[in-house]
Amino acid sequence: MAVNKIHREFYQVDIDSGWETPKGYPAGIKQKILSGTLDMANRQGGHTRLLKFEPGTYTTVPFEHDYWEEVFVIEGDLWVGNDGPTGGERFGQYTYCVRPPHVPHGPFRSEEGCLLMEQHYYDPQ
């Protein structure tokens, strides 16, 4: 099954509401799904989301998942490979990564806060 998304032409995104903390994430990280559905139980589909870190938010352990991930830093700072609230390598505005399934990554932190655009998707069956 391919990634299913509804066709929508340009529209204004309400950047102030509709944010939620993803399951298992710290309270200072919130997502807003823009399109699609990532069905992890059946390992199919995909979505595009905005992810934001409030200033000073951090994760504490590396993790991996079974789907592709693309991340684009729109604004702010994202630190990778930190030891909690310090350390790591800083990435700023207009940086990008793409990683295949099962690649360990993180932990992450942000000093100023950041806004990311992410795509998560499974290979078509």
PDB file of N, CA and C in Angstrom:
ATOM      1  N   MET A   1       0.840  -1.184   0.000  1.00  0.00           N
ATOM      2  CA  MET A   1       0.000   0.000   0.000  1.00  0.00           C
ATOM      3  C   MET A   1       0.877   1.236   0.000  1.00  0.00           C
ATOM      4  N   ALA A   2       0.577   2.179  -0.842  1.00  0.00           N
ATOM      5  CA  ALA A   2       1.324   3.430  -0.916  1.00  0.00           C
ATOM      6  C   ALA A   2       0.872   4.371   0.202  1.00  0.00           C
ATOM      7  N   VAL A   3       1.616   5.442   0.371  1.00  0.00           N
ATOM      8  CA  VAL A   3       1.240   6.465   1.341  1.00  0.00           C
ATOM      9  C   VAL A   3      -0.016   7.157   0.828  1.00  0.00           C
ATOM     10  N   ASN A   4      -1.069   7.135   1.618  1.00  0.00           N
ATOM     11  CA  ASN A   4      -2.334   7.753   1.238  1.00  0.00           C
ATOM     12  C   ASN A   4      -2.464   9.123   1.878  1.00  0.00           C
ATOM     13  N   LYS A   5      -2.624  10.120   1.060  1.00  0.00           N
ATOM     14  CA  LYS A   5      -2.850  11.476   1.552  1.00  0.00           C
ATOM     15  C   LYS A   5      -3.942  12.105   0.712  1.00  0.00           C
ATOM     16  N   ILE A   6      -4.724  12.958   1.345  1.00  0.00           N
ATOM     17  CA  ILE A   6      -5.796  13.664   0.653  1.00  0.00           C
ATOM     18  C   ILE A   6      -5.205  14.861  -0.087  1.00  0.00           C
ATOM     19  N   HIS A   7      -5.633  15.067  -1.324  1.00  0.00           N
ATOM     20  CA  HIS A   7      -5.193  16.217  -2.114  1.00  0.00           C
ATOM     21  C   HIS A   7      -5.769  17.498  -1.519  1.00  0.00           C
ATOM     22  N   ARG A   8      -4.898  18.440  -1.211  1.00  0.00           N
ATOM     23  CA  ARG A   8      -5.319  19.761  -0.740  1.00  0.00           C
ATOM     24  C   ARG A   8      -4.394  20.779  -1.381  1.00  0.00           C
ATOM     25  N   GLU A   9      -4.970  21.770  -2.017  1.00  0.00           N
ATOM     26  CA  GLU A   9      -4.168  22.870  -2.555  1.00  0.00           C
ATOM     27  C   GLU A   9      -3.709  23.748  -1.391  1.00  0.00           C
ATOM     28  N   PHE A  10      -2.972  24.793  -1.684  1.00  0.00           N
ATOM     29  CA  PHE A  10      -2.453  25.665  -0.629  1.00  0.00           C
ATOM     30  C   PHE A  10      -3.566  26.148   0.290  1.00  0.00           C
ATOM     31  N   TYR A  11      -3.308  26.114   1.562  1.00  0.00           N
ATOM     32  CA  TYR A  11      -4.246  26.617   2.560  1.00  0.00           C
ATOM     33  C   TYR A  11      -3.445  27.129   3.749  1.00  0.00           C
ATOM     34  N   GLN A  12      -4.030  28.013   4.493  1.00  0.00           N
ATOM     35  CA  GLN A  12      -3.363  28.592   5.664  1.00  0.00           C
ATOM     36  C   GLN A  12      -3.373  27.579   6.801  1.00  0.00           C
ATOM     37  N   VAL A  13      -2.222  27.304   7.391  1.00  0.00           N
ATOM     38  CA  VAL A  13      -2.117  26.392   8.523  1.00  0.00           C
ATOM     39  C   VAL A  13      -2.287  27.200   9.805  1.00  0.00           C
ATOM     40  N   ASP A  14      -3.182  26.746  10.663  1.00  0.00           N
ATOM     41  CA  ASP A  14      -3.377  27.381  11.971  1.00  0.00           C
ATOM     42  C   ASP A  14      -2.217  26.956  12.868  1.00  0.00           C
ATOM     43  N   ILE A  15      -1.248  27.807  13.005  1.00  0.00           N
ATOM     44  CA  ILE A  15      -0.027  27.475  13.732  1.00  0.00           C
ATOM     45  C   ILE A  15      -0.201  27.598  15.242  1.00  0.00           C
ATOM     46  N   ASP A  16      -1.307  28.194  15.693  1.00  0.00           N
ATOM     47  CA  ASP A  16      -1.499  28.445  17.122  1.00  0.00           C
ATOM     48  C   ASP A  16      -2.300  27.376  17.854  1.00  0.00           C
ATOM     49  N   SER A  17      -3.035  26.532  17.145  1.00  0.00           N
ATOM     50  CA  SER A  17      -3.851  25.534  17.843  1.00  0.00           C
ATOM     51  C   SER A  17      -3.709  24.171  17.165  1.00  0.00           C
ATOM     52  N   GLY A  18      -4.226  23.147  17.843  1.00  0.00           N
ATOM     53  CA  GLY A  18      -4.207  21.801  17.288  1.00  0.00           C
ATOM     54  C   GLY A  18      -2.934  21.023  17.566  1.00  0.00           C
ATOM     55  N   TRP A  19      -2.111  21.493  18.495  1.00  0.00           N
ATOM     56  CA  TRP A  19      -0.869  20.801  18.845  1.00  0.00           C
ATOM     57  C   TRP A  19      -1.144  19.789  19.938  1.00  0.00           C
ATOM     58  N   GLU A  20      -0.413  18.655  19.908  1.00  0.00           N
ATOM     59  CA  GLU A  20      -0.545  17.634  20.943  1.00  0.00           C
ATOM     60  C   GLU A  20       0.816  17.016  21.218  1.00  0.00           C
ATOM     61  N   THR A  21       1.008  16.556  22.442  1.00  0.00           N
ATOM     62  CA  THR A  21       2.248  15.867  22.784  1.00  0.00           C
ATOM     63  C   THR A  21       2.135  14.411  22.333  1.00  0.00           C
ATOM     64  N   PRO A  22       3.033  13.954  21.451  1.00  0.00           N
ATOM     65  CA  PRO A  22       2.981  12.549  21.020  1.00  0.00           C
ATOM     66  C   PRO A  22       3.225  11.609  22.198  1.00  0.00           C
ATOM     67  N   LYS A  23       2.626  10.441  22.137  1.00  0.00           N
ATOM     68  CA  LYS A  23       2.777   9.435  23.189  1.00  0.00           C
ATOM     69  C   LYS A  23       4.254   9.125  23.412  1.00  0.00           C
ATOM     70  N   GLY A  24       4.679   9.178  24.678  1.00  0.00           N
ATOM     71  CA  GLY A  24       6.053   8.851  25.042  1.00  0.00           C
ATOM     72  C   GLY A  24       7.031  10.009  24.945  1.00  0.00           C
ATOM     73  N   TYR A  25       6.578  11.190  24.509  1.00  0.00           N
ATOM     74  CA  TYR A  25       7.444  12.354  24.382  1.00  0.00           C
ATOM     75  C   TYR A  25       7.343  13.232  25.627  1.00  0.00           C
ATOM     76  N   PRO A  26       8.390  14.010  25.947  1.00  0.00           N
ATOM     77  CA  PRO A  26       8.288  14.975  27.044  1.00  0.00           C
ATOM     78  C   PRO A  26       7.236  16.047  26.733  1.00  0.00           C
ATOM     79  N   ALA A  27       6.686  16.656  27.773  1.00  0.00           N
ATOM     80  CA  ALA A  27       5.617  17.646  27.628  1.00  0.00           C
ATOM     81  C   ALA A  27       6.017  18.846  26.763  1.00  0.00           C
ATOM     82  N   GLY A  28       7.280  19.187  26.676  1.00  0.00           N
ATOM     83  CA  GLY A  28       7.727  20.347  25.905  1.00  0.00           C
ATOM     84  C   GLY A  28       7.858  20.114  24.414  1.00  0.00           C
ATOM     85  N   ILE A  29       7.496  18.914  23.942  1.00  0.00           N
ATOM     86  CA  ILE A  29       7.535  18.601  22.511  1.00  0.00           C
ATOM     87  C   ILE A  29       6.107  18.356  22.051  1.00  0.00           C
ATOM     88  N   LYS A  30       5.707  19.062  20.985  1.00  0.00           N
ATOM     89  CA  LYS A  30       4.337  18.934  20.483  1.00  0.00           C
ATOM     90  C   LYS A  30       4.354  18.755  18.972  1.00  0.00           C
ATOM     91  N   GLN A  31       3.338  18.049  18.466  1.00  0.00           N
ATOM     92  CA  GLN A  31       3.209  17.818  17.029  1.00  0.00           C
ATOM     93  C   GLN A  31       1.889  18.352  16.519  1.00  0.00           C
ATOM     94  N   LYS A  32       1.888  18.640  15.232  1.00  0.00           N
ATOM     95  CA  LYS A  32       0.674  19.009  14.502  1.00  0.00           C
ATOM     96  C   LYS A  32       0.729  18.242  13.192  1.00  0.00           C
ATOM     97  N   ILE A  33      -0.181  17.275  13.003  1.00  0.00           N
ATOM     98  CA  ILE A  33      -0.217  16.477  11.780  1.00  0.00           C
ATOM     99  C   ILE A  33      -0.800  17.339  10.662  1.00  0.00           C
ATOM    100  N   LEU A  34      -0.075  17.448   9.549  1.00  0.00           N
ATOM    101  CA  LEU A  34      -0.539  18.235   8.408  1.00  0.00           C
ATOM    102  C   LEU A  34      -1.294  17.376   7.408  1.00  0.00           C
ATOM    103  N   SER A  35      -0.830  16.139   7.195  1.00  0.00           N
ATOM    104  CA  SER A  35      -1.508  15.265   6.234  1.00  0.00           C
ATOM    105  C   SER A  35      -1.098  13.818   6.458  1.00  0.00           C
ATOM    106  N   GLY A  36      -1.986  12.914   6.064  1.00  0.00           N
ATOM    107  CA  GLY A  36      -1.692  11.494   6.068  1.00  0.00           C
ATOM    108  C   GLY A  36      -1.919  10.812   7.403  1.00  0.00           C
ATOM    109  N   THR A  37      -1.687   9.493   7.373  1.00  0.00           N
ATOM    110  CA  THR A  37      -1.812   8.656   8.562  1.00  0.00           C
ATOM    111  C   THR A  37      -0.685   7.641   8.553  1.00  0.00           C
ATOM    112  N   LEU A  38       0.039   7.582   9.636  1.00  0.00           N
ATOM    113  CA  LEU A  38       1.091   6.587   9.817  1.00  0.00           C
ATOM    114  C   LEU A  38       0.508   5.458  10.654  1.00  0.00           C
ATOM    115  N   ASP A  39       0.302   4.303  10.046  1.00  0.00           N
ATOM    116  CA  ASP A  39      -0.299   3.149  10.712  1.00  0.00           C
ATOM    117  C   ASP A  39       0.825   2.220  11.162  1.00  0.00           C
ATOM    118  N   MET A  40       1.310   2.436  12.383  1.00  0.00           N
ATOM    119  CA  MET A  40       2.442   1.656  12.878  1.00  0.00           C
ATOM    120  C   MET A  40       2.056   0.210  13.171  1.00  0.00           C
ATOM    121  N   ALA A  41       0.821  -0.046  13.562  1.00  0.00           N
ATOM    122  CA  ALA A  41       0.388  -1.413  13.858  1.00  0.00           C
ATOM    123  C   ALA A  41       0.455  -2.297  12.615  1.00  0.00           C
ATOM    124  N   ASN A  42       0.095  -1.738  11.461  1.00  0.00           N
ATOM    125  CA  ASN A  42       0.098  -2.494  10.210  1.00  0.00           C
ATOM    126  C   ASN A  42       1.273  -2.161   9.300  1.00  0.00           C
ATOM    127  N   ARG A  43       2.181  -1.321   9.799  1.00  0.00           N
ATOM    128  CA  ARG A  43       3.397  -0.941   9.071  1.00  0.00           C
ATOM    129  C   ARG A  43       3.094  -0.440   7.662  1.00  0.00           C
ATOM    130  N   GLN A  44       2.215   0.573   7.595  1.00  0.00           N
ATOM    131  CA  GLN A  44       1.878   1.154   6.290  1.00  0.00           C
ATOM    132  C   GLN A  44       1.499   2.619   6.439  1.00  0.00           C
ATOM    133  N   GLY A  45       1.493   3.300   5.295  1.00  0.00           N
ATOM    134  CA  GLY A  45       1.090   4.698   5.263  1.00  0.00           C
ATOM    135  C   GLY A  45       2.223   5.638   5.620  1.00  0.00           C
ATOM    136  N   GLY A  46       1.841   6.870   5.882  1.00  0.00           N
ATOM    137  CA  GLY A  46       2.806   7.895   6.243  1.00  0.00           C
ATOM    138  C   GLY A  46       2.099   9.193   6.553  1.00  0.00           C
ATOM    139  N   HIS A  47       2.814  10.088   7.207  1.00  0.00           N
ATOM    140  CA  HIS A  47       2.258  11.409   7.495  1.00  0.00           C
ATOM    141  C   HIS A  47       3.343  12.468   7.404  1.00  0.00           C
ATOM    142  N   THR A  48       2.885  13.696   7.300  1.00  0.00           N
ATOM    143  CA  THR A  48       3.746  14.873   7.377  1.00  0.00           C
ATOM    144  C   THR A  48       3.291  15.643   8.606  1.00  0.00           C
ATOM    145  N   ARG A  49       4.249  16.044   9.423  1.00  0.00           N
ATOM    146  CA  ARG A  49       3.888  16.767  10.635  1.00  0.00           C
ATOM    147  C   ARG A  49       4.855  17.902  10.902  1.00  0.00           C
ATOM    148  N   LEU A  50       4.384  18.855  11.697  1.00  0.00           N
ATOM    149  CA  LEU A  50       5.246  19.847  12.300  1.00  0.00           C
ATOM    150  C   LEU A  50       5.531  19.349  13.710  1.00  0.00           C
ATOM    151  N   LEU A  51       6.758  19.516  14.162  1.00  0.00           N
ATOM    152  CA  LEU A  51       7.140  19.145  15.516  1.00  0.00           C
ATOM    153  C   LEU A  51       7.858  20.335  16.122  1.00  0.00           C
ATOM    154  N   LYS A  52       7.444  20.729  17.324  1.00  0.00           N
ATOM    155  CA  LYS A  52       8.136  21.853  17.962  1.00  0.00           C
ATOM    156  C   LYS A  52       8.614  21.476  19.345  1.00  0.00           C
ATOM    157  N   PHE A  53       9.803  21.978  19.660  1.00  0.00           N
ATOM    158  CA  PHE A  53      10.406  21.850  20.974  1.00  0.00           C
ATOM    159  C   PHE A  53      10.306  23.212  21.641  1.00  0.00           C
ATOM    160  N   GLU A  54       9.809  23.256  22.851  1.00  0.00           N
ATOM    161  CA  GLU A  54       9.854  24.482  23.632  1.00  0.00           C
ATOM    162  C   GLU A  54      11.297  24.692  24.089  1.00  0.00           C
ATOM    163  N   PRO A  55      11.723  25.938  24.338  1.00  0.00           N
ATOM    164  CA  PRO A  55      13.090  26.177  24.812  1.00  0.00           C
ATOM    165  C   PRO A  55      13.411  25.339  26.051  1.00  0.00           C
ATOM    166  N   GLY A  56      14.601  24.736  26.048  1.00  0.00           N
ATOM    167  CA  GLY A  56      15.068  23.954  27.182  1.00  0.00           C
ATOM    168  C   GLY A  56      14.575  22.515  27.226  1.00  0.00           C
ATOM    169  N   THR A  57      13.787  22.096  26.251  1.00  0.00           N
ATOM    170  CA  THR A  57      13.262  20.728  26.229  1.00  0.00           C
ATOM    171  C   THR A  57      14.322  19.760  25.716  1.00  0.00           C
ATOM    172  N   TYR A  58      14.342  18.550  26.286  1.00  0.00           N
ATOM    173  CA  TYR A  58      15.294  17.538  25.815  1.00  0.00           C
ATOM    174  C   TYR A  58      14.735  16.135  26.023  1.00  0.00           C
ATOM    175  N   THR A  59      15.234  15.208  25.190  1.00  0.00           N
ATOM    176  CA  THR A  59      14.968  13.792  25.383  1.00  0.00           C
ATOM    177  C   THR A  59      16.227  13.184  25.993  1.00  0.00           C
ATOM    178  N   THR A  60      16.114  11.964  26.520  1.00  0.00           N
ATOM    179  CA  THR A  60      17.234  11.425  27.292  1.00  0.00           C
ATOM    180  C   THR A  60      17.875  10.160  26.737  1.00  0.00           C
ATOM    181  N   VAL A  61      17.220   9.490  25.786  1.00  0.00           N
ATOM    182  CA  VAL A  61      17.791   8.244  25.265  1.00  0.00           C
ATOM    183  C   VAL A  61      17.669   8.194  23.749  1.00  0.00           C
ATOM    184  N   PRO A  62      18.619   7.539  23.070  1.00  0.00           N
ATOM    185  CA  PRO A  62      18.472   7.310  21.636  1.00  0.00           C
ATOM    186  C   PRO A  62      17.304   6.353  21.382  1.00  0.00           C
ATOM    187  N   PHE A  63      16.746   6.414  20.189  1.00  0.00           N
ATOM    188  CA  PHE A  63      15.654   5.511  19.836  1.00  0.00           C
ATOM    189  C   PHE A  63      15.724   5.202  18.352  1.00  0.00           C
ATOM    190  N   GLU A  64      14.899   4.267  17.915  1.00  0.00           N
ATOM    191  CA  GLU A  64      14.794   3.930  16.492  1.00  0.00           C
ATOM    192  C   GLU A  64      13.362   3.516  16.217  1.00  0.00           C
ATOM    193  N   HIS A  65      12.999   3.505  14.939  1.00  0.00           N
ATOM    194  CA  HIS A  65      11.656   3.091  14.534  1.00  0.00           C
ATOM    195  C   HIS A  65      11.755   2.353  13.210  1.00  0.00           C
ATOM    196  N   ASP A  66      10.642   1.735  12.800  1.00  0.00           N
ATOM    197  CA  ASP A  66      10.664   0.866  11.622  1.00  0.00           C
ATOM    198  C   ASP A  66      10.169   1.541  10.347  1.00  0.00           C
ATOM    199  N   TYR A  67      10.171   2.862  10.291  1.00  0.00           N
ATOM    200  CA  TYR A  67       9.748   3.607   9.104  1.00  0.00           C
ATOM    201  C   TYR A  67      10.818   4.639   8.734  1.00  0.00           C
ATOM    202  N   TRP A  68      10.735   5.121   7.504  1.00  0.00           N
ATOM    203  CA  TRP A  68      11.613   6.186   7.024  1.00  0.00           C
ATOM    204  C   TRP A  68      11.257   7.484   7.726  1.00  0.00           C
ATOM    205  N   GLU A  69      12.257   8.353   7.865  1.00  0.00           N
ATOM    206  CA  GLU A  69      12.025   9.660   8.477  1.00  0.00           C
ATOM    207  C   GLU A  69      12.852  10.714   7.766  1.00  0.00           C
ATOM    208  N   GLU A  70      12.212  11.831   7.461  1.00  0.00           N
ATOM    209  CA  GLU A  70      12.899  12.998   6.925  1.00  0.00           C
ATOM    210  C   GLU A  70      12.592  14.162   7.843  1.00  0.00           C
ATOM    211  N   VAL A  71      13.614  14.938   8.179  1.00  0.00           N
ATOM    212  CA  VAL A  71      13.461  16.057   9.117  1.00  0.00           C
ATOM    213  C   VAL A  71      14.109  17.293   8.518  1.00  0.00           C
ATOM    214  N   PHE A  72      13.361  18.411   8.533  1.00  0.00           N
ATOM    215  CA  PHE A  72      13.873  19.703   8.073  1.00  0.00           C
ATOM    216  C   PHE A  72      13.688  20.701   9.204  1.00  0.00           C
ATOM    217  N   VAL A  73      14.779  21.356   9.621  1.00  0.00           N
ATOM    218  CA  VAL A  73      14.709  22.362  10.677  1.00  0.00           C
ATOM    219  C   VAL A  73      14.284  23.688  10.045  1.00  0.00           C
ATOM    220  N   ILE A  74      13.087  24.137  10.375  1.00  0.00           N
ATOM    221  CA  ILE A  74      12.559  25.398   9.840  1.00  0.00           C
ATOM    222  C   ILE A  74      13.154  26.585  10.585  1.00  0.00           C
ATOM    223  N   GLU A  75      13.166  26.491  11.913  1.00  0.00           N
ATOM    224  CA  GLU A  75      13.735  27.579  12.719  1.00  0.00           C
ATOM    225  C   GLU A  75      14.199  27.034  14.055  1.00  0.00           C
ATOM    226  N   GLY A  76      15.097  27.767  14.681  1.00  0.00           N
ATOM    227  CA  GLY A  76      15.588  27.411  16.007  1.00  0.00           C
ATOM    228  C   GLY A  76      16.817  26.532  15.962  1.00  0.00           C
ATOM    229  N   ASP A  77      17.078  25.872  17.098  1.00  0.00           N
ATOM    230  CA  ASP A  77      18.259  25.020  17.233  1.00  0.00           C
ATOM    231  C   ASP A  77      17.842  23.624  17.676  1.00  0.00           C
ATOM    232  N   LEU A  78      18.445  22.618  17.072  1.00  0.00           N
ATOM    233  CA  LEU A  78      18.228  21.227  17.443  1.00  0.00           C
ATOM    234  C   LEU A  78      19.597  20.612  17.710  1.00  0.00           C
ATOM    235  N   TRP A  79      19.789  20.141  18.930  1.00  0.00           N
ATOM    236  CA  TRP A  79      21.047  19.512  19.334  1.00  0.00           C
ATOM    237  C   TRP A  79      20.858  18.004  19.322  1.00  0.00           C
ATOM    238  N   VAL A  80      21.822  17.293  18.724  1.00  0.00           N
ATOM    239  CA  VAL A  80      21.720  15.844  18.559  1.00  0.00           C
ATOM    240  C   VAL A  80      22.857  15.166  19.317  1.00  0.00           C
ATOM    241  N   GLY A  81      22.512  14.102  20.060  1.00  0.00           N
ATOM    242  CA  GLY A  81      23.530  13.343  20.786  1.00  0.00           C
ATOM    243  C   GLY A  81      23.901  13.975  22.107  1.00  0.00           C
ATOM    244  N   ASN A  82      22.964  14.620  22.772  1.00  0.00           N
ATOM    245  CA  ASN A  82      23.208  15.291  24.040  1.00  0.00           C
ATOM    246  C   ASN A  82      23.164  14.306  25.207  1.00  0.00           C
ATOM    247  N   ASP A  83      23.563  14.792  26.377  1.00  0.00           N
ATOM    248  CA  ASP A  83      23.506  13.986  27.600  1.00  0.00           C
ATOM    249  C   ASP A  83      22.477  14.581  28.559  1.00  0.00           C
ATOM    250  N   GLY A  84      21.313  14.895  28.039  1.00  0.00           N
ATOM    251  CA  GLY A  84      20.274  15.568  28.825  1.00  0.00           C
ATOM    252  C   GLY A  84      20.237  17.029  28.422  1.00  0.00           C
ATOM    253  N   PRO A  85      20.348  17.925  29.391  1.00  0.00           N
ATOM    254  CA  PRO A  85      20.219  19.347  29.055  1.00  0.00           C
ATOM    255  C   PRO A  85      21.472  19.989  28.458  1.00  0.00           C
ATOM    256  N   THR A  86      22.578  19.233  28.292  1.00  0.00           N
ATOM    257  CA  THR A  86      23.811  19.813  27.734  1.00  0.00           C
ATOM    258  C   THR A  86      24.404  18.885  26.686  1.00  0.00           C
ATOM    259  N   GLY A  87      25.399  19.405  25.958  1.00  0.00           N
ATOM    260  CA  GLY A  87      26.164  18.611  25.007  1.00  0.00           C
ATOM    261  C   GLY A  87      25.450  18.366  23.692  1.00  0.00           C
ATOM    262  N   GLY A  88      26.121  17.621  22.826  1.00  0.00           N
ATOM    263  CA  GLY A  88      25.581  17.292  21.523  1.00  0.00           C
ATOM    264  C   GLY A  88      26.114  18.184  20.426  1.00  0.00           C
ATOM    265  N   GLU A  89      25.660  17.928  19.204  1.00  0.00           N
ATOM    266  CA  GLU A  89      26.034  18.720  18.038  1.00  0.00           C
ATOM    267  C   GLU A  89      24.852  19.576  17.621  1.00  0.00           C
ATOM    268  N   ARG A  90      25.097  20.888  17.418  1.00  0.00           N
ATOM    269  CA  ARG A  90      24.023  21.837  17.109  1.00  0.00           C
ATOM    270  C   ARG A  90      23.735  21.880  15.612  1.00  0.00           C
ATOM    271  N   PHE A  91      22.439  21.845  15.279  1.00  0.00           N
ATOM    272  CA  PHE A  91      21.971  22.047  13.914  1.00  0.00           C
ATOM    273  C   PHE A  91      20.956  23.177  13.944  1.00  0.00           C
ATOM    274  N   GLY A  92      21.066  24.082  12.979  1.00  0.00           N
ATOM    275  CA  GLY A  92      20.192  25.250  12.957  1.00  0.00           C
ATOM    276  C   GLY A  92      19.254  25.256  11.772  1.00  0.00           C
ATOM    277  N   GLN A  93      18.696  26.422  11.555  1.00  0.00           N
ATOM    278  CA  GLN A  93      17.721  26.665  10.493  1.00  0.00           C
ATOM    279  C   GLN A  93      18.222  26.126   9.152  1.00  0.00           C
ATOM    280  N   TYR A  94      17.292  25.496   8.414  1.00  0.00           N
ATOM    281  CA  TYR A  94      17.513  24.988   7.056  1.00  0.00           C
ATOM    282  C   TYR A  94      18.481  23.808   7.002  1.00  0.00           C
ATOM    283  N   THR A  95      18.534  23.009   8.064  1.00  0.00           N
ATOM    284  CA  THR A  95      19.293  21.762   7.994  1.00  0.00           C
ATOM    285  C   THR A  95      18.303  20.607   7.820  1.00  0.00           C
ATOM    286  N   TYR A  96      18.798  19.506   7.278  1.00  0.00           N
ATOM    287  CA  TYR A  96      17.926  18.417   6.837  1.00  0.00           C
ATOM    288  C   TYR A  96      18.592  17.073   7.094  1.00  0.00           C
ATOM    289  N   CYS A  97      17.789  16.064   7.368  1.00  0.00           N
ATOM    290  CA  CYS A  97      18.308  14.694   7.410  1.00  0.00           C
ATOM    291  C   CYS A  97      17.252  13.747   6.866  1.00  0.00           C
ATOM    292  N   VAL A  98      17.708  12.608   6.358  1.00  0.00           N
ATOM    293  CA  VAL A  98      16.829  11.510   5.957  1.00  0.00           C
ATOM    294  C   VAL A  98      17.451  10.244   6.514  1.00  0.00           C
ATOM    295  N   ARG A  99      16.628   9.423   7.179  1.00  0.00           N
ATOM    296  CA  ARG A  99      17.164   8.189   7.746  1.00  0.00           C
ATOM    297  C   ARG A  99      16.231   7.024   7.451  1.00  0.00           C
ATOM    298  N   PRO A 100      16.821   5.895   7.102  1.00  0.00           N
ATOM    299  CA  PRO A 100      16.017   4.695   6.839  1.00  0.00           C
ATOM    300  C   PRO A 100      15.554   4.060   8.154  1.00  0.00           C
ATOM    301  N   PRO A 101      14.687   3.065   8.056  1.00  0.00           N
ATOM    302  CA  PRO A 101      14.226   2.362   9.250  1.00  0.00           C
ATOM    303  C   PRO A 101      15.383   1.763  10.050  1.00  0.00           C
ATOM    304  N   HIS A 102      15.194   1.696  11.359  1.00  0.00           N
ATOM    305  CA  HIS A 102      16.085   1.017  12.316  1.00  0.00           C
ATOM    306  C   HIS A 102      17.446   1.685  12.497  1.00  0.00           C
ATOM    307  N   VAL A 103      17.554   2.983  12.214  1.00  0.00           N
ATOM    308  CA  VAL A 103      18.790   3.706  12.487  1.00  0.00           C
ATOM    309  C   VAL A 103      18.630   4.408  13.840  1.00  0.00           C
ATOM    310  N   PRO A 104      19.454   4.052  14.833  1.00  0.00           N
ATOM    311  CA  PRO A 104      19.362   4.729  16.124  1.00  0.00           C
ATOM    312  C   PRO A 104      19.667   6.226  15.966  1.00  0.00           C
ATOM    313  N   HIS A 105      18.909   7.067  16.668  1.00  0.00           N
ATOM    314  CA  HIS A 105      19.138   8.517  16.624  1.00  0.00           C
ATOM    315  C   HIS A 105      18.685   9.154  17.926  1.00  0.00           C
ATOM    316  N   GLY A 106      19.237  10.349  18.184  1.00  0.00           N
ATOM    317  CA  GLY A 106      18.942  11.050  19.428  1.00  0.00           C
ATOM    318  C   GLY A 106      20.018  10.731  20.450  1.00  0.00           C
ATOM    319  N   PRO A 107      19.786  11.166  21.682  1.00  0.00           N
ATOM    320  CA  PRO A 107      18.704  12.038  22.117  1.00  0.00           C
ATOM    321  C   PRO A 107      18.823  13.441  21.525  1.00  0.00           C
ATOM    322  N   PHE A 108      17.766  14.237  21.732  1.00  0.00           N
ATOM    323  CA  PHE A 108      17.679  15.577  21.156  1.00  0.00           C
ATOM    324  C   PHE A 108      17.405  16.607  22.241  1.00  0.00           C
ATOM    325  N   ARG A 109      17.781  17.850  21.945  1.00  0.00           N
ATOM    326  CA  ARG A 109      17.442  18.952  22.839  1.00  0.00           C
ATOM    327  C   ARG A 109      17.373  20.241  22.035  1.00  0.00           C
ATOM    328  N   SER A 110      16.799  21.266  22.635  1.00  0.00           N
ATOM    329  CA  SER A 110      16.788  22.586  22.016  1.00  0.00           C
ATOM    330  C   SER A 110      16.943  23.640  23.101  1.00  0.00           C
ATOM    331  N   GLU A 111      17.871  24.555  22.886  1.00  0.00           N
ATOM    332  CA  GLU A 111      18.066  25.653  23.836  1.00  0.00           C
ATOM    333  C   GLU A 111      17.057  26.771  23.597  1.00  0.00           C
ATOM    334  N   GLU A 112      16.908  27.197  22.333  1.00  0.00           N
ATOM    335  CA  GLU A 112      16.022  28.323  21.978  1.00  0.00           C
ATOM    336  C   GLU A 112      14.606  27.880  21.661  1.00  0.00           C
ATOM    337  N   GLY A 113      14.431  26.575  21.453  1.00  0.00           N
ATOM    338  CA  GLY A 113      13.197  26.048  20.888  1.00  0.00           C
ATOM    339  C   GLY A 113      13.405  25.881  19.388  1.00  0.00           C
ATOM    340  N   CYS A 114      12.630  25.024  18.774  1.00  0.00           N
ATOM    341  CA  CYS A 114      12.763  24.826  17.330  1.00  0.00           C
ATOM    342  C   CYS A 114      11.450  24.344  16.741  1.00  0.00           C
ATOM    343  N   LEU A 115      11.337  24.533  15.427  1.00  0.00           N
ATOM    344  CA  LEU A 115      10.200  24.063  14.660  1.00  0.00           C
ATOM    345  C   LEU A 115      10.740  23.202  13.527  1.00  0.00           C
ATOM    346  N   LEU A 116      10.263  21.963  13.450  1.00  0.00           N
ATOM    347  CA  LEU A 116      10.712  21.004  12.453  1.00  0.00           C
ATOM    348  C   LEU A 116       9.544  20.607  11.568  1.00  0.00           C
ATOM    349  N   MET A 117       9.828  20.271  10.318  1.00  0.00           N
ATOM    350  CA  MET A 117       8.864  19.597   9.456  1.00  0.00           C
ATOM    351  C   MET A 117       9.390  18.190   9.256  1.00  0.00           C
ATOM    352  N   GLU A 118       8.529  17.199   9.507  1.00  0.00           N
ATOM    353  CA  GLU A 118       8.949  15.807   9.408  1.00  0.00           C
ATOM    354  C   GLU A 118       8.002  15.017   8.520  1.00  0.00           C
ATOM    355  N   GLN A 119       8.578  14.056   7.804  1.00  0.00           N
ATOM    356  CA  GLN A 119       7.792  13.072   7.062  1.00  0.00           C
ATOM    357  C   GLN A 119       8.196  11.702   7.567  1.00  0.00           C
ATOM    358  N   HIS A 120       7.209  10.883   7.894  1.00  0.00           N
ATOM    359  CA  HIS A 120       7.422   9.505   8.323  1.00  0.00           C
ATOM    360  C   HIS A 120       6.619   8.622   7.382  1.00  0.00           C
ATOM    361  N   TYR A 121       7.228   7.541   6.873  1.00  0.00           N
ATOM    362  CA  TYR A 121       6.503   6.685   5.935  1.00  0.00           C
ATOM    363  C   TYR A 121       7.150   5.313   5.841  1.00  0.00           C
ATOM    364  N   TYR A 122       6.319   4.336   5.529  1.00  0.00           N
ATOM    365  CA  TYR A 122       6.764   2.977   5.275  1.00  0.00           C
ATOM    366  C   TYR A 122       7.009   2.802   3.798  1.00  0.00           C
ATOM    367  N   ASP A 123       7.933   1.910   3.458  1.00  0.00           N
ATOM    368  CA  ASP A 123       8.140   1.546   2.051  1.00  0.00           C
ATOM    369  C   ASP A 123       6.833   0.970   1.513  1.00  0.00           C
ATOM    370  N   PRO A 124       6.474   1.289   0.274  1.00  0.00           N
ATOM    371  CA  PRO A 124       5.268   0.681  -0.309  1.00  0.00           C
ATOM    372  C   PRO A 124       5.394  -0.833  -0.353  1.00  0.00           C
ATOM    373  N   GLN A 125       4.310  -1.545  -0.103  1.00  0.00           N
ATOM    374  CA  GLN A 125       4.311  -3.014  -0.082  1.00  0.00           C
ATOM    375  C   GLN A 125       4.185  -3.558  -1.491  1.00  0.00           C
TER     376      GLN A 125
END
